[in-house]
Amino acid sequence: MKKSYAFLLSILLIFGVVLAGCSSNEKSSGDEKVTLNIALWDENVSEVVDKSVALFEKEHPNVKVNITYTPFADYWAKLKTSAAGGSGPDIFWMNGPNFHQYASNGLIKDLQPLIEKDKIETSVYTPALVDLYTYEDHLYGMPYFLDSVALYYNKKLFDDAGLPYPDETWTWETIEEVGEKLTDKDKKIYGYIASNLSQQGYYNLIHQAGGYVINEDKTKSGYNLPETKEAFEFTKRLMDKGISPSAKTQVETKGDQIFGSGKAAMAPAISVIAPTYYEMLGENLGIAPLPKGKQKATIVHGLSWSMNDKTKHEDLAWELLKKLSGKEAGQYMGESGFSIPAYQEAESLWVESIPSINLKVFTDSLEFGVPYPISKDTEKWQNVEVKEFKEAFLGKKSIDEAAETVQKEMDEILKNEK
């Protein structure tokens, strides 16, 4: 009996040691330092990102967040190589042109199950940006900040010509009529910059004319539509009449430099350039809605935070991602004046960041915002688009010829995406 008792006691002691060991290991695991890596490309937003990271680290003292800034020219090649290899940052910036490729190839995590589990209300974000980062009805990127497009104008040039400033009643015809009056070839001042760029130029005009770049189910290009061609014909006409700098001139000197130096009365441009223009023109800077064609439209693009599908710390990465895209993050972005927060409640903070100019034009225009056009292989068909219409603007081929080539090649690219 004593022998049995001694044996049982020894077993219990051994079992107790094992339990103590397990308990010790669990505690050690809980105290273990974890490192999360973030990747993005614009250091101008570093102060804003740092504030959100500081909030997260305060709540998770065992986690260290490393932030890496890579120049945009190198960012995507570096990110794609690391993500495809099963490594890379835990969380990173995603843009529209690359989104479908990353989502369809399983390089970024489907966030919808996490959103539903935590009952995250995505209606707090600008709808166009939610649409932009949705793939197969699931959200793969939490919206962060956005750009819309409006008409910037130089008040001094309007005052010198005795002309009223642009307003919400303006149309394409007004641009052409008033632009001609503001053009002074002797002083080399243009009435308007008909941008040869897509986001701030012809993409807006295409939708204003009633056309489209790509249809909703992303199976067909809209470049053969008469309405789409109108956008390019309008742009080319303004260049040919000398109201706008030619395509050649815009290649040699960027439109932002021409407008910012006081050599153009009007220019369509994205919201993120507002602080730069204000620094260049000061109180002479004005902002109005984009003039409409058959309808109002402004292209909306912006960035989201996405999660690496192969992250080893999904729970912590999700907590960090929520901090980077939450209400406080939106407030930090708005107060910085860097760009319009995707978190809609914080839009007014950005509007107030430069009180003397009407930044509200940009947030009001979101009502008729159109998401930036994308598909799985956006880069492929955009390369064709840029090449063909550059030649058309330079007079090397007609708008019809360029549109026919883009339509044919883009449709083939879209066909092969499936």
Protein backbone atom coordinates (compact mmCIF):
# COMPACT_ATOMS: atom_id res chain seq x y z
CA MET A 1 0.00 0.00 0.00
CA LYS A 2 2.82 2.35 0.91
CA LYS A 3 4.57 1.35 -2.31
CA SER A 4 1.45 2.12 -4.37
CA TYR A 5 1.03 5.46 -2.64
CA ALA A 6 4.67 6.35 -3.28
CA PHE A 7 4.29 5.41 -6.96
CA LEU A 8 1.12 7.50 -7.30
CA LEU A 9 2.78 10.45 -5.61
CA SER A 10 5.74 10.28 -7.99
CA ILE A 11 3.39 10.21 -10.99
CA LEU A 12 1.50 13.23 -9.68
CA LEU A 13 4.75 15.08 -9.11
CA ILE A 14 5.92 14.34 -12.64
CA PHE A 15 2.53 15.39 -14.06
CA GLY A 16 2.72 18.57 -12.01
CA VAL A 17 6.13 19.38 -13.45
CA VAL A 18 4.78 18.86 -16.98
CA LEU A 19 1.81 21.15 -16.27
CA ALA A 20 4.10 23.76 -14.78
CA GLY A 21 6.29 23.51 -17.88
CA CYS A 22 3.28 24.02 -20.19
CA SER A 23 2.09 26.96 -18.13
CA SER A 24 5.53 28.48 -18.25
CA ASN A 25 5.73 28.04 -22.03
CA GLU A 26 2.30 29.68 -22.59
CA LYS A 27 3.32 32.67 -20.52
CA SER A 28 6.58 32.94 -22.38
CA SER A 29 4.72 32.77 -25.68
CA GLY A 30 2.41 35.58 -24.56
CA ASP A 31 5.35 37.79 -23.63
CA GLU A 32 7.30 37.00 -26.78
CA LYS A 33 8.18 40.04 -28.91
CA VAL A 34 6.52 40.08 -32.31
CA THR A 35 7.57 42.23 -35.27
CA LEU A 36 5.09 43.41 -37.90
CA ASN A 37 6.31 44.99 -41.12
CA ILE A 38 4.56 47.76 -43.07
CA ALA A 39 5.51 48.86 -46.60
CA LEU A 40 4.52 52.06 -48.44
CA TRP A 41 6.14 54.56 -50.78
CA ASP A 42 5.44 58.16 -49.74
CA GLU A 43 7.44 59.55 -46.81
CA ASN A 44 5.34 62.72 -46.88
CA VAL A 45 2.71 60.78 -44.97
CA SER A 46 5.14 59.34 -42.40
CA GLU A 47 3.96 61.52 -39.50
CA VAL A 48 0.35 60.43 -40.08
CA VAL A 49 1.24 56.73 -40.24
CA ASP A 50 3.48 57.01 -37.18
CA LYS A 51 0.57 58.31 -35.08
CA SER A 52 -1.61 55.30 -35.90
CA VAL A 53 1.28 52.92 -35.26
CA ALA A 54 1.93 54.55 -31.88
CA LEU A 55 -1.71 53.92 -30.88
CA PHE A 56 -1.38 50.27 -31.85
CA GLU A 57 1.95 49.74 -30.07
CA LYS A 58 0.56 51.32 -26.90
CA GLU A 59 -2.22 48.72 -26.88
CA HIS A 60 0.18 45.91 -27.88
CA PRO A 61 3.45 46.54 -25.99
CA ASN A 62 4.88 43.18 -27.09
CA VAL A 63 4.66 44.16 -30.78
CA LYS A 64 7.22 46.23 -32.69
CA VAL A 65 6.12 47.74 -36.02
CA ASN A 66 8.76 48.38 -38.67
CA ILE A 67 7.90 50.78 -41.50
CA THR A 68 9.74 50.67 -44.81
CA TYR A 69 9.44 53.40 -47.45
CA THR A 70 10.40 52.33 -50.97
CA PRO A 71 10.39 54.79 -53.90
CA PHE A 72 7.35 54.22 -56.13
CA ALA A 73 9.56 53.31 -59.11
CA ASP A 74 10.87 50.27 -57.19
CA TYR A 75 7.95 49.56 -54.88
CA TRP A 76 5.85 47.19 -57.01
CA ALA A 77 8.71 45.05 -58.32
CA LYS A 78 10.06 44.60 -54.79
CA LEU A 79 6.62 43.90 -53.31
CA LYS A 80 5.55 41.42 -55.98
CA THR A 81 8.79 39.45 -55.74
CA SER A 82 8.61 39.14 -51.95
CA ALA A 83 4.85 38.44 -51.80
CA ALA A 84 5.02 35.81 -54.54
CA GLY A 85 7.89 34.17 -52.64
CA GLY A 86 5.78 33.81 -49.52
CA SER A 87 7.51 36.55 -47.55
CA GLY A 88 7.22 40.33 -47.76
CA PRO A 89 5.60 42.85 -45.41
CA ASP A 90 2.57 41.96 -43.31
CA ILE A 91 0.64 45.07 -44.39
CA PHE A 92 1.22 47.33 -47.38
CA TRP A 93 -0.22 50.05 -49.59
CA MET A 94 -2.30 48.93 -52.54
CA ASN A 95 -3.42 51.05 -55.51
CA GLY A 96 -6.11 50.56 -58.14
CA PRO A 97 -4.04 49.53 -61.17
CA ASN A 98 -2.38 46.66 -59.25
CA PHE A 99 -5.30 45.57 -57.08
CA HIS A 100 -6.99 42.93 -59.23
CA GLN A 101 -3.72 41.22 -60.03
CA TYR A 102 -2.86 40.86 -56.33
CA ALA A 103 -6.38 39.84 -55.28
CA SER A 104 -6.91 37.29 -58.08
CA ASN A 105 -3.49 35.70 -57.57
CA GLY A 106 -3.96 35.20 -53.82
CA LEU A 107 -1.22 37.64 -52.82
CA ILE A 108 -3.45 39.66 -50.50
CA LYS A 109 -5.86 38.39 -47.91
CA ASP A 110 -9.62 38.37 -48.30
CA LEU A 111 -10.64 40.72 -45.48
CA GLN A 112 -14.39 40.06 -45.69
CA PRO A 113 -14.46 37.23 -43.08
CA LEU A 114 -12.50 39.43 -40.64
CA ILE A 115 -14.76 42.41 -41.35
CA GLU A 116 -17.88 40.32 -40.72
CA LYS A 117 -16.44 38.70 -37.58
CA ASP A 118 -15.69 42.10 -36.04
CA LYS A 119 -18.84 43.70 -37.48
CA ILE A 120 -16.87 46.48 -39.20
CA GLU A 121 -19.19 48.94 -40.93
CA THR A 122 -17.63 49.70 -44.33
CA SER A 123 -20.24 52.37 -45.14
CA VAL A 124 -18.03 54.80 -43.17
CA TYR A 125 -15.72 54.89 -46.21
CA THR A 126 -16.18 56.67 -49.52
CA PRO A 127 -18.29 54.27 -51.66
CA ALA A 128 -16.16 54.66 -54.81
CA LEU A 129 -13.11 53.48 -52.88
CA VAL A 130 -14.95 50.51 -51.38
CA ASP A 131 -15.98 49.54 -54.92
CA LEU A 132 -12.42 49.96 -56.16
CA TYR A 133 -10.99 47.50 -53.62
CA THR A 134 -13.75 44.91 -53.85
CA TYR A 135 -13.02 41.66 -55.68
CA GLU A 136 -15.77 39.06 -56.25
CA ASP A 137 -18.00 40.92 -53.74
CA HIS A 138 -15.36 40.76 -50.99
CA LEU A 139 -13.26 43.64 -49.70
CA TYR A 140 -9.51 43.03 -50.01
CA GLY A 141 -8.26 46.50 -49.04
CA MET A 142 -9.31 48.86 -46.23
CA PRO A 143 -9.65 52.35 -47.77
CA TYR A 144 -7.16 54.93 -46.50
CA PHE A 145 -7.18 58.15 -48.54
CA LEU A 146 -8.38 59.29 -51.93
CA ASP A 147 -8.14 61.81 -54.73
CA SER A 148 -10.89 63.35 -56.80
CA VAL A 149 -10.48 65.83 -59.66
CA ALA A 150 -11.62 69.46 -59.92
CA LEU A 151 -10.86 72.58 -61.94
CA TYR A 152 -8.10 74.79 -60.53
CA TYR A 153 -7.96 78.38 -61.79
CA ASN A 154 -5.79 81.46 -61.44
CA LYS A 155 -7.90 84.34 -60.05
CA LYS A 156 -5.41 86.99 -61.17
CA LEU A 157 -5.63 85.97 -64.82
CA PHE A 158 -9.42 86.05 -64.65
CA ASP A 159 -9.38 89.43 -62.91
CA ASP A 160 -6.95 90.87 -65.46
CA ALA A 161 -9.29 89.75 -68.26
CA GLY A 162 -12.39 91.01 -66.44
CA LEU A 163 -14.03 87.59 -66.55
CA PRO A 164 -16.13 85.84 -63.87
CA TYR A 165 -14.64 82.83 -62.12
CA PRO A 166 -15.68 79.27 -63.05
CA ASP A 167 -18.64 77.78 -61.15
CA GLU A 168 -20.89 74.72 -61.10
CA THR A 169 -22.82 75.90 -64.21
CA TRP A 170 -19.83 75.56 -66.53
CA THR A 171 -19.78 73.08 -69.41
CA TRP A 172 -17.24 71.99 -72.02
CA GLU A 173 -18.52 74.78 -74.24
CA THR A 174 -17.78 77.34 -71.49
CA ILE A 175 -14.23 76.05 -71.18
CA GLU A 176 -13.64 76.48 -74.89
CA GLU A 177 -15.29 79.89 -75.07
CA VAL A 178 -13.70 81.43 -71.95
CA GLY A 179 -10.42 79.59 -72.47
CA GLU A 180 -10.03 81.28 -75.84
CA LYS A 181 -10.52 84.71 -74.25
CA LEU A 182 -7.93 83.97 -71.58
CA THR A 183 -5.31 82.74 -74.04
CA ASP A 184 -2.56 85.30 -74.70
CA LYS A 185 -0.10 83.92 -77.24
CA ASP A 186 2.19 86.96 -76.97
CA LYS A 187 2.62 86.42 -73.23
CA LYS A 188 2.59 82.64 -73.70
CA ILE A 189 -0.38 82.24 -71.38
CA TYR A 190 -2.82 79.42 -72.03
CA GLY A 191 -6.52 79.59 -71.21
CA TYR A 192 -6.73 75.96 -70.17
CA ILE A 193 -4.57 72.86 -69.87
CA ALA A 194 -6.24 69.98 -71.71
CA SER A 195 -4.35 67.27 -69.85
CA ASN A 196 -2.91 64.40 -71.86
CA LEU A 197 -2.93 62.32 -68.64
CA SER A 198 -5.64 59.79 -67.86
CA GLN A 199 -6.66 60.29 -64.21
CA GLN A 200 -6.83 64.06 -64.23
CA GLY A 201 -7.63 64.36 -67.91
CA TYR A 202 -9.45 62.18 -70.39
CA TYR A 203 -10.86 59.55 -67.99
CA ASN A 204 -13.07 62.28 -66.50
CA LEU A 205 -14.09 63.57 -69.93
CA ILE A 206 -14.98 60.06 -71.14
CA HIS A 207 -17.53 59.62 -68.35
CA GLN A 208 -18.78 63.20 -68.69
CA ALA A 209 -19.50 62.46 -72.36
CA GLY A 210 -21.48 59.34 -71.42
CA GLY A 211 -18.81 56.80 -72.41
CA TYR A 212 -16.70 54.45 -70.35
CA VAL A 213 -13.18 53.00 -70.27
CA ILE A 214 -14.22 49.49 -69.23
CA ASN A 215 -17.69 48.01 -68.67
CA GLU A 216 -18.92 46.97 -65.23
CA ASP A 217 -18.18 43.26 -65.56
CA LYS A 218 -14.71 44.07 -66.95
CA THR A 219 -15.16 42.13 -70.19
CA LYS A 220 -15.17 44.92 -72.77
CA SER A 221 -13.47 48.21 -73.57
CA GLY A 222 -15.53 51.31 -74.31
CA TYR A 223 -13.00 52.99 -76.59
CA ASN A 224 -14.98 52.42 -79.78
CA LEU A 225 -18.01 54.31 -78.44
CA PRO A 226 -18.73 57.69 -80.08
CA GLU A 227 -19.13 59.22 -76.60
CA THR A 228 -15.66 58.04 -75.56
CA LYS A 229 -14.09 59.44 -78.69
CA GLU A 230 -15.69 62.84 -77.95
CA ALA A 231 -13.42 63.18 -74.92
CA PHE A 232 -10.28 62.84 -77.04
CA GLU A 233 -11.64 65.05 -79.82
CA PHE A 234 -12.38 67.81 -77.29
CA THR A 235 -8.89 67.53 -75.80
CA LYS A 236 -7.22 67.57 -79.22
CA ARG A 237 -9.32 70.53 -80.41
CA LEU A 238 -8.22 72.67 -77.46
CA MET A 239 -4.59 71.78 -78.19
CA ASP A 240 -4.95 72.50 -81.92
CA LYS A 241 -6.56 75.90 -81.25
CA GLY A 242 -3.72 76.89 -78.91
CA ILE A 243 -6.07 77.28 -75.94
CA SER A 244 -4.12 74.46 -74.32
CA PRO A 245 -0.42 73.55 -74.44
CA SER A 246 0.18 70.92 -77.10
CA ALA A 247 0.94 67.32 -76.20
CA LYS A 248 4.56 67.95 -77.18
CA THR A 249 4.76 70.94 -74.83
CA GLN A 250 3.23 68.91 -71.99
CA VAL A 251 5.84 66.20 -72.51
CA GLU A 252 8.61 68.81 -72.28
CA THR A 253 7.07 70.73 -69.35
CA LYS A 254 4.57 69.16 -66.99
CA GLY A 255 1.14 70.74 -66.76
CA ASP A 256 1.60 71.28 -63.01
CA GLN A 257 4.64 73.46 -63.71
CA ILE A 258 2.84 75.44 -66.42
CA PHE A 259 -0.15 76.16 -64.19
CA GLY A 260 1.85 76.73 -61.01
CA SER A 261 4.10 79.27 -62.74
CA GLY A 262 1.08 81.39 -63.74
CA LYS A 263 1.20 80.46 -67.42
CA ALA A 264 -2.28 78.90 -67.59
CA ALA A 265 -5.62 80.20 -66.37
CA MET A 266 -7.27 76.82 -65.73
CA ALA A 267 -6.19 73.22 -65.21
CA PRO A 268 -8.01 70.02 -64.15
CA ALA A 269 -5.97 68.25 -61.48
CA ILE A 270 -6.23 65.89 -58.52
CA SER A 271 -6.91 67.03 -54.96
CA VAL A 272 -3.54 65.95 -53.57
CA ILE A 273 -1.80 68.70 -55.57
CA ALA A 274 -3.80 71.47 -53.79
CA PRO A 275 -1.11 72.28 -51.14
CA THR A 276 1.55 72.52 -53.86
CA TYR A 277 -0.56 74.82 -56.04
CA TYR A 278 -1.39 76.97 -53.01
CA GLU A 279 2.29 77.29 -52.20
CA MET A 280 2.94 78.45 -55.77
CA LEU A 281 -0.05 80.75 -56.32
CA GLY A 282 -1.21 81.67 -52.81
CA GLU A 283 -4.46 83.63 -52.65
CA ASN A 284 -4.68 83.69 -56.46
CA LEU A 285 -5.66 80.01 -56.42
CA GLY A 286 -9.30 79.12 -56.96
CA ILE A 287 -11.11 75.78 -57.25
CA ALA A 288 -14.36 74.93 -59.04
CA PRO A 289 -16.15 71.69 -60.01
CA LEU A 290 -15.13 70.08 -63.27
CA PRO A 291 -17.28 71.47 -66.11
CA LYS A 292 -19.78 68.90 -67.30
CA GLY A 293 -20.34 67.37 -70.71
CA LYS A 294 -23.60 65.45 -71.05
CA GLN A 295 -23.29 64.78 -67.32
CA LYS A 296 -21.12 65.43 -64.28
CA ALA A 297 -18.31 63.01 -63.45
CA THR A 298 -14.99 62.96 -61.63
CA ILE A 299 -12.59 60.04 -61.39
CA VAL A 300 -11.98 58.86 -57.83
CA HIS A 301 -8.82 56.97 -57.01
CA GLY A 302 -7.09 56.35 -53.71
CA LEU A 303 -5.07 53.91 -51.68
CA SER A 304 -5.98 51.11 -49.34
CA TRP A 305 -4.15 49.02 -46.77
CA SER A 306 -3.93 45.33 -47.73
CA MET A 307 -2.70 42.33 -45.76
CA ASN A 308 -0.17 39.82 -47.04
CA ASP A 309 -1.99 36.52 -47.52
CA LYS A 310 1.05 34.71 -46.08
CA THR A 311 1.45 36.79 -42.91
CA LYS A 312 2.44 34.69 -39.91
CA HIS A 313 0.61 37.00 -37.52
CA GLU A 314 -2.86 37.40 -39.01
CA ASP A 315 -4.63 38.38 -35.77
CA LEU A 316 -2.11 41.09 -34.87
CA ALA A 317 -1.83 42.28 -38.47
CA TRP A 318 -5.61 42.67 -38.58
CA GLU A 319 -5.57 44.70 -35.37
CA LEU A 320 -2.88 46.96 -36.85
CA LEU A 321 -4.73 47.26 -40.15
CA LYS A 322 -7.85 48.41 -38.27
CA LYS A 323 -5.80 51.13 -36.56
CA LEU A 324 -4.31 52.27 -39.87
CA SER A 325 -7.73 52.60 -41.50
CA GLY A 326 -9.93 53.56 -38.55
CA LYS A 327 -11.51 56.75 -37.32
CA GLU A 328 -8.38 58.13 -35.64
CA ALA A 329 -6.32 57.40 -38.77
CA GLY A 330 -8.86 59.33 -40.82
CA GLN A 331 -8.62 62.26 -38.44
CA TYR A 332 -4.83 62.28 -38.59
CA MET A 333 -4.98 62.24 -42.40
CA GLY A 334 -7.51 65.06 -42.54
CA GLU A 335 -5.60 67.27 -40.12
CA SER A 336 -2.37 66.76 -42.06
CA GLY A 337 -3.83 68.25 -45.26
CA PHE A 338 -2.04 65.53 -47.24
CA SER A 339 -5.12 64.02 -48.91
CA ILE A 340 -8.84 63.40 -48.48
CA PRO A 341 -9.43 60.72 -45.81
CA ALA A 342 -11.43 57.73 -47.02
CA TYR A 343 -13.10 57.78 -43.60
CA GLN A 344 -15.96 60.12 -44.50
CA GLU A 345 -16.43 61.72 -41.07
CA ALA A 346 -12.90 63.13 -41.31
CA GLU A 347 -13.36 64.80 -44.73
CA SER A 348 -14.17 68.17 -43.11
CA LEU A 349 -10.78 68.22 -41.36
CA TRP A 350 -9.04 68.05 -44.74
CA VAL A 351 -11.38 70.73 -46.16
CA GLU A 352 -10.34 73.06 -43.32
CA SER A 353 -6.61 72.40 -43.78
CA ILE A 354 -6.27 75.37 -46.19
CA PRO A 355 -9.11 77.69 -45.09
CA SER A 356 -8.68 80.32 -47.82
CA ILE A 357 -9.43 77.97 -50.75
CA ASN A 358 -12.59 76.00 -51.37
CA LEU A 359 -11.41 72.41 -50.90
CA LYS A 360 -15.01 71.39 -50.29
CA VAL A 361 -15.41 71.27 -54.06
CA PHE A 362 -13.48 67.98 -54.03
CA THR A 363 -15.53 66.31 -51.30
CA ASP A 364 -18.80 67.53 -52.81
CA SER A 365 -17.79 66.06 -56.17
CA LEU A 366 -17.64 62.58 -54.64
CA GLU A 367 -21.42 62.56 -55.09
CA PHE A 368 -20.85 61.98 -58.82
CA GLY A 369 -17.50 60.19 -58.44
CA VAL A 370 -16.58 57.32 -60.75
CA PRO A 371 -14.11 54.66 -59.54
CA TYR A 372 -10.78 54.58 -61.37
CA PRO A 373 -11.08 51.95 -64.14
CA ILE A 374 -9.22 48.69 -63.46
CA SER A 375 -9.13 45.00 -64.32
CA LYS A 376 -6.76 42.12 -63.57
CA ASP A 377 -4.24 43.23 -66.20
CA THR A 378 -4.74 47.00 -66.01
CA GLU A 379 -1.09 47.74 -66.73
CA LYS A 380 -1.17 45.80 -70.01
CA TRP A 381 -4.06 47.67 -71.59
CA GLN A 382 -3.03 51.01 -70.10
CA ASN A 383 0.33 50.68 -71.85
CA VAL A 384 -1.53 50.31 -75.16
CA GLU A 385 -3.90 53.17 -74.29
CA VAL A 386 -1.10 55.60 -73.37
CA LYS A 387 0.95 54.79 -76.47
CA GLU A 388 -1.92 55.08 -78.95
CA PHE A 389 -3.46 58.27 -77.64
CA LYS A 390 -0.08 59.92 -77.19
CA GLU A 391 0.45 59.41 -80.93
CA ALA A 392 -3.04 60.76 -81.64
CA PHE A 393 -2.44 63.88 -79.53
CA LEU A 394 0.90 64.39 -81.32
CA GLY A 395 -0.91 64.23 -84.66
CA LYS A 396 0.75 61.00 -85.81
CA LYS A 397 -2.61 59.23 -86.23
CA SER A 398 -6.30 60.03 -85.96
CA ILE A 399 -8.42 59.63 -82.83
CA ASP A 400 -10.44 56.96 -84.66
CA GLU A 401 -7.32 54.96 -85.54
CA ALA A 402 -6.01 55.12 -81.97
CA ALA A 403 -9.40 54.20 -80.50
CA GLU A 404 -9.79 51.23 -82.85
CA THR A 405 -6.37 49.85 -81.91
CA VAL A 406 -6.96 50.29 -78.16
CA GLN A 407 -10.42 48.70 -78.43
CA LYS A 408 -9.09 45.65 -80.25
CA GLU A 409 -6.05 45.05 -78.05
CA MET A 410 -7.82 45.84 -74.79
CA ASP A 411 -10.69 43.47 -75.58
CA GLU A 412 -8.18 40.71 -76.28
CA ILE A 413 -6.39 41.37 -72.96
CA LEU A 414 -9.70 41.31 -71.09
CA LYS A 415 -10.71 38.09 -72.85
CA ASN A 416 -7.52 36.38 -71.68
CA GLU A 417 -7.98 37.51 -68.07
CA LYS A 418 -10.71 34.94 -67.47
